[in-house]
Amino acid sequence: MNELVKIAVLENPFEAQVLSDILKDEEIPHVIRSYHDTAYDGLFQAQKGWGEIRAPLEYGKQIHEILSDVRAGNQAE
């Protein structure tokens, strides 16, 4: 697998789950990382967003398009 880079910041766990399900269906390698830290009781999520999607750079444009569709309430296919 190629090096994973930060592609986008995710707004909430629902968005993260929907995006992950679509990327799995499309067989796009990715990792979703939450910014939640129990030591700070989620303080960084309020400042930075819920978390991030990391993937090989060559999938960045495709992931941004899918994420845009998810945020618009459209089904990405």
PDB file of N, CA and C in Angstrom:
ATOM      1  N   MET A   1       0.849  -1.176   0.000  1.00  0.00           N
ATOM      2  CA  MET A   1       0.000   0.000   0.000  1.00  0.00           C
ATOM      3  C   MET A   1       0.893   1.237   0.000  1.00  0.00           C
ATOM      4  N   ASN A   2       0.497   2.232  -0.764  1.00  0.00           N
ATOM      5  CA  ASN A   2       1.234   3.493  -0.810  1.00  0.00           C
ATOM      6  C   ASN A   2       1.091   4.234   0.503  1.00  0.00           C
ATOM      7  N   GLU A   3       1.929   5.249   0.680  1.00  0.00           N
ATOM      8  CA  GLU A   3       1.871   6.063   1.893  1.00  0.00           C
ATOM      9  C   GLU A   3       0.499   6.729   2.018  1.00  0.00           C
ATOM     10  N   LEU A   4      -0.041   6.717   3.230  1.00  0.00           N
ATOM     11  CA  LEU A   4      -1.337   7.350   3.475  1.00  0.00           C
ATOM     12  C   LEU A   4      -1.111   8.799   3.884  1.00  0.00           C
ATOM     13  N   VAL A   5      -1.867   9.694   3.273  1.00  0.00           N
ATOM     14  CA  VAL A   5      -1.786  11.120   3.584  1.00  0.00           C
ATOM     15  C   VAL A   5      -3.166  11.612   3.996  1.00  0.00           C
ATOM     16  N   LYS A   6      -3.193  12.704   4.721  1.00  0.00           N
ATOM     17  CA  LYS A   6      -4.470  13.297   5.135  1.00  0.00           C
ATOM     18  C   LYS A   6      -5.165  13.854   3.900  1.00  0.00           C
ATOM     19  N   ILE A   7      -6.384  13.387   3.666  1.00  0.00           N
ATOM     20  CA  ILE A   7      -7.161  13.817   2.505  1.00  0.00           C
ATOM     21  C   ILE A   7      -8.177  14.885   2.900  1.00  0.00           C
ATOM     22  N   ALA A   8      -8.865  14.684   4.031  1.00  0.00           N
ATOM     23  CA  ALA A   8      -9.907  15.636   4.441  1.00  0.00           C
ATOM     24  C   ALA A   8     -10.201  15.487   5.930  1.00  0.00           C
ATOM     25  N   VAL A   9     -10.761  16.544   6.490  1.00  0.00           N
ATOM     26  CA  VAL A   9     -11.235  16.530   7.871  1.00  0.00           C
ATOM     27  C   VAL A   9     -12.710  16.142   7.835  1.00  0.00           C
ATOM     28  N   LEU A  10     -13.095  15.248   8.732  1.00  0.00           N
ATOM     29  CA  LEU A  10     -14.475  14.766   8.808  1.00  0.00           C
ATOM     30  C   LEU A  10     -15.210  15.487   9.927  1.00  0.00           C
ATOM     31  N   GLU A  11     -16.497  15.710   9.728  1.00  0.00           N
ATOM     32  CA  GLU A  11     -17.281  16.517  10.655  1.00  0.00           C
ATOM     33  C   GLU A  11     -17.881  15.742  11.821  1.00  0.00           C
ATOM     34  N   ASN A  12     -18.202  14.459  11.604  1.00  0.00           N
ATOM     35  CA  ASN A  12     -18.873  13.692  12.654  1.00  0.00           C
ATOM     36  C   ASN A  12     -18.755  12.193  12.375  1.00  0.00           C
ATOM     37  N   PRO A  13     -19.104  11.355  13.351  1.00  0.00           N
ATOM     38  CA  PRO A  13     -18.962   9.909  13.155  1.00  0.00           C
ATOM     39  C   PRO A  13     -19.900   9.349  12.082  1.00  0.00           C
ATOM     40  N   PHE A  14     -21.065   9.955  11.896  1.00  0.00           N
ATOM     41  CA  PHE A  14     -21.985   9.495  10.857  1.00  0.00           C
ATOM     42  C   PHE A  14     -21.355   9.673   9.482  1.00  0.00           C
ATOM     43  N   GLU A  15     -20.805  10.860   9.242  1.00  0.00           N
ATOM     44  CA  GLU A  15     -20.139  11.139   7.974  1.00  0.00           C
ATOM     45  C   GLU A  15     -18.970  10.166   7.752  1.00  0.00           C
ATOM     46  N   ALA A  16     -18.223   9.908   8.809  1.00  0.00           N
ATOM     47  CA  ALA A  16     -17.092   8.990   8.730  1.00  0.00           C
ATOM     48  C   ALA A  16     -17.555   7.588   8.341  1.00  0.00           C
ATOM     49  N   GLN A  17     -18.628   7.103   8.941  1.00  0.00           N
ATOM     50  CA  GLN A  17     -19.124   5.755   8.657  1.00  0.00           C
ATOM     51  C   GLN A  17     -19.656   5.637   7.237  1.00  0.00           C
ATOM     52  N   VAL A  18     -20.440   6.617   6.813  1.00  0.00           N
ATOM     53  CA  VAL A  18     -20.991   6.578   5.454  1.00  0.00           C
ATOM     54  C   VAL A  18     -19.862   6.613   4.430  1.00  0.00           C
ATOM     55  N   LEU A  19     -18.904   7.515   4.623  1.00  0.00           N
ATOM     56  CA  LEU A  19     -17.778   7.617   3.705  1.00  0.00           C
ATOM     57  C   LEU A  19     -16.979   6.315   3.678  1.00  0.00           C
ATOM     58  N   SER A  20     -16.703   5.755   4.834  1.00  0.00           N
ATOM     59  CA  SER A  20     -15.939   4.507   4.905  1.00  0.00           C
ATOM     60  C   SER A  20     -16.659   3.373   4.176  1.00  0.00           C
ATOM     61  N   ASP A  21     -17.968   3.276   4.343  1.00  0.00           N
ATOM     62  CA  ASP A  21     -18.742   2.229   3.663  1.00  0.00           C
ATOM     63  C   ASP A  21     -18.646   2.375   2.141  1.00  0.00           C
ATOM     64  N   ILE A  22     -18.755   3.606   1.657  1.00  0.00           N
ATOM     65  CA  ILE A  22     -18.663   3.851   0.212  1.00  0.00           C
ATOM     66  C   ILE A  22     -17.266   3.511  -0.297  1.00  0.00           C
ATOM     67  N   LEU A  23     -16.239   3.931   0.441  1.00  0.00           N
ATOM     68  CA  LEU A  23     -14.865   3.669   0.006  1.00  0.00           C
ATOM     69  C   LEU A  23     -14.561   2.167   0.011  1.00  0.00           C
ATOM     70  N   LYS A  24     -15.126   1.441   0.967  1.00  0.00           N
ATOM     71  CA  LYS A  24     -14.953  -0.016   0.973  1.00  0.00           C
ATOM     72  C   LYS A  24     -15.610  -0.635  -0.258  1.00  0.00           C
ATOM     73  N   ASP A  25     -16.817  -0.169  -0.585  1.00  0.00           N
ATOM     74  CA  ASP A  25     -17.511  -0.675  -1.778  1.00  0.00           C
ATOM     75  C   ASP A  25     -16.720  -0.388  -3.045  1.00  0.00           C
ATOM     76  N   GLU A  26     -16.062   0.770  -3.090  1.00  0.00           N
ATOM     77  CA  GLU A  26     -15.270   1.173  -4.251  1.00  0.00           C
ATOM     78  C   GLU A  26     -13.849   0.590  -4.217  1.00  0.00           C
ATOM     79  N   GLU A  27     -13.544  -0.152  -3.147  1.00  0.00           N
ATOM     80  CA  GLU A  27     -12.226  -0.757  -2.945  1.00  0.00           C
ATOM     81  C   GLU A  27     -11.106   0.282  -2.945  1.00  0.00           C
ATOM     82  N   ILE A  28     -11.375   1.404  -2.286  1.00  0.00           N
ATOM     83  CA  ILE A  28     -10.390   2.467  -2.133  1.00  0.00           C
ATOM     84  C   ILE A  28      -9.752   2.315  -0.758  1.00  0.00           C
ATOM     85  N   PRO A  29      -8.442   2.097  -0.704  1.00  0.00           N
ATOM     86  CA  PRO A  29      -7.771   1.937   0.588  1.00  0.00           C
ATOM     87  C   PRO A  29      -7.832   3.235   1.387  1.00  0.00           C
ATOM     88  N   HIS A  30      -8.124   3.107   2.683  1.00  0.00           N
ATOM     89  CA  HIS A  30      -8.254   4.306   3.514  1.00  0.00           C
ATOM     90  C   HIS A  30      -8.193   3.936   4.994  1.00  0.00           C
ATOM     91  N   VAL A  31      -7.965   4.950   5.804  1.00  0.00           N
ATOM     92  CA  VAL A  31      -8.002   4.823   7.255  1.00  0.00           C
ATOM     93  C   VAL A  31      -8.716   6.054   7.774  1.00  0.00           C
ATOM     94  N   ILE A  32      -9.631   5.848   8.707  1.00  0.00           N
ATOM     95  CA  ILE A  32     -10.303   6.970   9.354  1.00  0.00           C
ATOM     96  C   ILE A  32      -9.782   7.062  10.776  1.00  0.00           C
ATOM     97  N   ARG A  33      -9.381   8.266  11.149  1.00  0.00           N
ATOM     98  CA  ARG A  33      -8.805   8.484  12.473  1.00  0.00           C
ATOM     99  C   ARG A  33      -9.607   9.567  13.194  1.00  0.00           C
ATOM    100  N   SER A  34     -10.119   9.219  14.357  1.00  0.00           N
ATOM    101  CA  SER A  34     -10.846  10.175  15.190  1.00  0.00           C
ATOM    102  C   SER A  34      -9.848  11.043  15.947  1.00  0.00           C
ATOM    103  N   TYR A  35     -10.195  12.299  16.163  1.00  0.00           N
ATOM    104  CA  TYR A  35      -9.363  13.193  16.960  1.00  0.00           C
ATOM    105  C   TYR A  35      -9.703  13.099  18.448  1.00  0.00           C
ATOM    106  N   HIS A  36     -10.648  12.228  18.810  1.00  0.00           N
ATOM    107  CA  HIS A  36     -11.043  12.118  20.215  1.00  0.00           C
ATOM    108  C   HIS A  36      -9.888  11.619  21.073  1.00  0.00           C
ATOM    109  N   ASP A  37      -9.674  12.280  22.176  1.00  0.00           N
ATOM    110  CA  ASP A  37      -8.629  11.895  23.122  1.00  0.00           C
ATOM    111  C   ASP A  37      -9.281  11.871  24.501  1.00  0.00           C
ATOM    112  N   THR A  38      -9.329  10.695  25.107  1.00  0.00           N
ATOM    113  CA  THR A  38     -10.010  10.576  26.396  1.00  0.00           C
ATOM    114  C   THR A  38      -9.349  11.427  27.472  1.00  0.00           C
ATOM    115  N   ALA A  39      -8.055  11.662  27.375  1.00  0.00           N
ATOM    116  CA  ALA A  39      -7.369  12.484  28.385  1.00  0.00           C
ATOM    117  C   ALA A  39      -7.884  13.920  28.383  1.00  0.00           C
ATOM    118  N   TYR A  40      -8.315  14.389  27.210  1.00  0.00           N
ATOM    119  CA  TYR A  40      -8.816  15.762  27.108  1.00  0.00           C
ATOM    120  C   TYR A  40     -10.319  15.808  26.851  1.00  0.00           C
ATOM    121  N   ASP A  41     -10.993  14.672  27.026  1.00  0.00           N
ATOM    122  CA  ASP A  41     -12.447  14.567  26.889  1.00  0.00           C
ATOM    123  C   ASP A  41     -12.969  15.149  25.576  1.00  0.00           C
ATOM    124  N   GLY A  42     -12.268  14.867  24.479  1.00  0.00           N
ATOM    125  CA  GLY A  42     -12.741  15.292  23.165  1.00  0.00           C
ATOM    126  C   GLY A  42     -12.525  16.761  22.854  1.00  0.00           C
ATOM    127  N   LEU A  43     -11.739  17.453  23.639  1.00  0.00           N
ATOM    128  CA  LEU A  43     -11.504  18.888  23.441  1.00  0.00           C
ATOM    129  C   LEU A  43     -11.041  19.204  22.023  1.00  0.00           C
ATOM    130  N   PHE A  44     -10.155  18.380  21.471  1.00  0.00           N
ATOM    131  CA  PHE A  44      -9.606  18.658  20.145  1.00  0.00           C
ATOM    132  C   PHE A  44     -10.628  18.472  19.040  1.00  0.00           C
ATOM    133  N   GLN A  45     -11.654  17.663  19.257  1.00  0.00           N
ATOM    134  CA  GLN A  45     -12.689  17.497  18.247  1.00  0.00           C
ATOM    135  C   GLN A  45     -13.467  18.795  18.056  1.00  0.00           C
ATOM    136  N   ALA A  46     -13.646  19.559  19.104  1.00  0.00           N
ATOM    137  CA  ALA A  46     -14.354  20.834  18.982  1.00  0.00           C
ATOM    138  C   ALA A  46     -13.518  21.844  18.205  1.00  0.00           C
ATOM    139  N   GLN A  47     -12.209  21.712  18.271  1.00  0.00           N
ATOM    140  CA  GLN A  47     -11.316  22.662  17.600  1.00  0.00           C
ATOM    141  C   GLN A  47     -10.929  22.231  16.194  1.00  0.00           C
ATOM    142  N   LYS A  48     -10.721  20.944  15.984  1.00  0.00           N
ATOM    143  CA  LYS A  48     -10.162  20.459  14.726  1.00  0.00           C
ATOM    144  C   LYS A  48     -11.162  19.736  13.831  1.00  0.00           C
ATOM    145  N   GLY A  49     -12.305  19.365  14.328  1.00  0.00           N
ATOM    146  CA  GLY A  49     -13.241  18.522  13.590  1.00  0.00           C
ATOM    147  C   GLY A  49     -13.271  17.143  14.229  1.00  0.00           C
ATOM    148  N   TRP A  50     -14.165  16.287  13.781  1.00  0.00           N
ATOM    149  CA  TRP A  50     -14.320  14.974  14.402  1.00  0.00           C
ATOM    150  C   TRP A  50     -13.100  14.083  14.193  1.00  0.00           C
ATOM    151  N   GLY A  51     -12.555  14.111  12.991  1.00  0.00           N
ATOM    152  CA  GLY A  51     -11.430  13.243  12.665  1.00  0.00           C
ATOM    153  C   GLY A  51     -10.970  13.490  11.240  1.00  0.00           C
ATOM    154  N   GLU A  52     -10.237  12.533  10.691  1.00  0.00           N
ATOM    155  CA  GLU A  52      -9.703  12.713   9.342  1.00  0.00           C
ATOM    156  C   GLU A  52      -9.733  11.412   8.566  1.00  0.00           C
ATOM    157  N   ILE A  53      -9.717  11.552   7.251  1.00  0.00           N
ATOM    158  CA  ILE A  53      -9.599  10.417   6.351  1.00  0.00           C
ATOM    159  C   ILE A  53      -8.202  10.458   5.761  1.00  0.00           C
ATOM    160  N   ARG A  54      -7.522   9.314   5.811  1.00  0.00           N
ATOM    161  CA  ARG A  54      -6.184   9.192   5.238  1.00  0.00           C
ATOM    162  C   ARG A  54      -6.238   8.109   4.167  1.00  0.00           C
ATOM    163  N   ALA A  55      -5.558   8.374   3.054  1.00  0.00           N
ATOM    164  CA  ALA A  55      -5.551   7.437   1.932  1.00  0.00           C
ATOM    165  C   ALA A  55      -4.345   7.748   1.054  1.00  0.00           C
ATOM    166  N   PRO A  56      -4.026   6.857   0.106  1.00  0.00           N
ATOM    167  CA  PRO A  56      -2.974   7.191  -0.849  1.00  0.00           C
ATOM    168  C   PRO A  56      -3.366   8.445  -1.635  1.00  0.00           C
ATOM    169  N   LEU A  57      -2.401   9.298  -1.892  1.00  0.00           N
ATOM    170  CA  LEU A  57      -2.650  10.589  -2.538  1.00  0.00           C
ATOM    171  C   LEU A  57      -3.406  10.470  -3.854  1.00  0.00           C
ATOM    172  N   GLU A  58      -3.139   9.408  -4.615  1.00  0.00           N
ATOM    173  CA  GLU A  58      -3.777   9.284  -5.931  1.00  0.00           C
ATOM    174  C   GLU A  58      -5.300   9.126  -5.848  1.00  0.00           C
ATOM    175  N   TYR A  59      -5.836   8.814  -4.676  1.00  0.00           N
ATOM    176  CA  TYR A  59      -7.292   8.698  -4.501  1.00  0.00           C
ATOM    177  C   TYR A  59      -7.919   9.985  -3.959  1.00  0.00           C
ATOM    178  N   GLY A  60      -7.111  10.996  -3.710  1.00  0.00           N
ATOM    179  CA  GLY A  60      -7.587  12.215  -3.071  1.00  0.00           C
ATOM    180  C   GLY A  60      -8.751  12.884  -3.777  1.00  0.00           C
ATOM    181  N   LYS A  61      -8.632  13.085  -5.087  1.00  0.00           N
ATOM    182  CA  LYS A  61      -9.697  13.764  -5.835  1.00  0.00           C
ATOM    183  C   LYS A  61     -10.996  12.966  -5.782  1.00  0.00           C
ATOM    184  N   GLN A  62     -10.887  11.660  -5.970  1.00  0.00           N
ATOM    185  CA  GLN A  62     -12.071  10.796  -5.947  1.00  0.00           C
ATOM    186  C   GLN A  62     -12.733  10.825  -4.561  1.00  0.00           C
ATOM    187  N   ILE A  63     -11.935  10.788  -3.505  1.00  0.00           N
ATOM    188  CA  ILE A  63     -12.485  10.824  -2.151  1.00  0.00           C
ATOM    189  C   ILE A  63     -13.154  12.167  -1.881  1.00  0.00           C
ATOM    190  N   HIS A  64     -12.549  13.268  -2.333  1.00  0.00           N
ATOM    191  CA  HIS A  64     -13.166  14.585  -2.152  1.00  0.00           C
ATOM    192  C   HIS A  64     -14.523  14.657  -2.855  1.00  0.00           C
ATOM    193  N   GLU A  65     -14.614  14.078  -4.041  1.00  0.00           N
ATOM    194  CA  GLU A  65     -15.888  14.075  -4.771  1.00  0.00           C
ATOM    195  C   GLU A  65     -16.943  13.266  -4.026  1.00  0.00           C
ATOM    196  N   ILE A  66     -16.562  12.096  -3.523  1.00  0.00           N
ATOM    197  CA  ILE A  66     -17.490  11.257  -2.769  1.00  0.00           C
ATOM    198  C   ILE A  66     -17.919  11.971  -1.489  1.00  0.00           C
ATOM    199  N   LEU A  67     -16.966  12.571  -0.781  1.00  0.00           N
ATOM    200  CA  LEU A  67     -17.279  13.289   0.451  1.00  0.00           C
ATOM    201  C   LEU A  67     -18.217  14.458   0.180  1.00  0.00           C
ATOM    202  N   SER A  68     -18.007  15.158  -0.920  1.00  0.00           N
ATOM    203  CA  SER A  68     -18.891  16.257  -1.286  1.00  0.00           C
ATOM    204  C   SER A  68     -20.314  15.756  -1.511  1.00  0.00           C
ATOM    205  N   ASP A  69     -20.448  14.610  -2.166  1.00  0.00           N
ATOM    206  CA  ASP A  69     -21.778  14.009  -2.388  1.00  0.00           C
ATOM    207  C   ASP A  69     -22.413  13.595  -1.070  1.00  0.00           C
ATOM    208  N   VAL A  70     -21.625  13.017  -0.171  1.00  0.00           N
ATOM    209  CA  VAL A  70     -22.146  12.612   1.148  1.00  0.00           C
ATOM    210  C   VAL A  70     -22.648  13.852   1.897  1.00  0.00           C
ATOM    211  N   ARG A  71     -21.874  14.921   1.886  1.00  0.00           N
ATOM    212  CA  ARG A  71     -22.274  16.144   2.592  1.00  0.00           C
ATOM    213  C   ARG A  71     -23.490  16.806   1.970  1.00  0.00           C
ATOM    214  N   ALA A  72     -23.657  16.624   0.671  1.00  0.00           N
ATOM    215  CA  ALA A  72     -24.826  17.192  -0.015  1.00  0.00           C
ATOM    216  C   ALA A  72     -26.054  16.299   0.140  1.00  0.00           C
ATOM    217  N   GLY A  73     -25.872  15.115   0.736  1.00  0.00           N
ATOM    218  CA  GLY A  73     -26.990  14.203   0.938  1.00  0.00           C
ATOM    219  C   GLY A  73     -27.262  13.331  -0.257  1.00  0.00           C
ATOM    220  N   ASN A  74     -26.329  13.295  -1.213  1.00  0.00           N
ATOM    221  CA  ASN A  74     -26.487  12.457  -2.412  1.00  0.00           C
ATOM    222  C   ASN A  74     -25.798  11.131  -2.174  1.00  0.00           C
ATOM    223  N   GLN A  75     -26.264  10.121  -2.869  1.00  0.00           N
ATOM    224  CA  GLN A  75     -25.597   8.824  -2.816  1.00  0.00           C
ATOM    225  C   GLN A  75     -24.501   8.825  -3.855  1.00  0.00           C
ATOM    226  N   ALA A  76     -23.288   8.546  -3.447  1.00  0.00           N
ATOM    227  CA  ALA A  76     -22.170   8.448  -4.388  1.00  0.00           C
ATOM    228  C   ALA A  76     -22.135   7.047  -4.941  1.00  0.00           C
ATOM    229  N   GLU A  77     -22.100   6.929  -6.252  1.00  0.00           N
ATOM    230  CA  GLU A  77     -22.032   5.615  -6.866  1.00  0.00           C
ATOM    231  C   GLU A  77     -21.083   5.665  -8.009  1.00  0.00           C
TER     232      GLU A  77
END
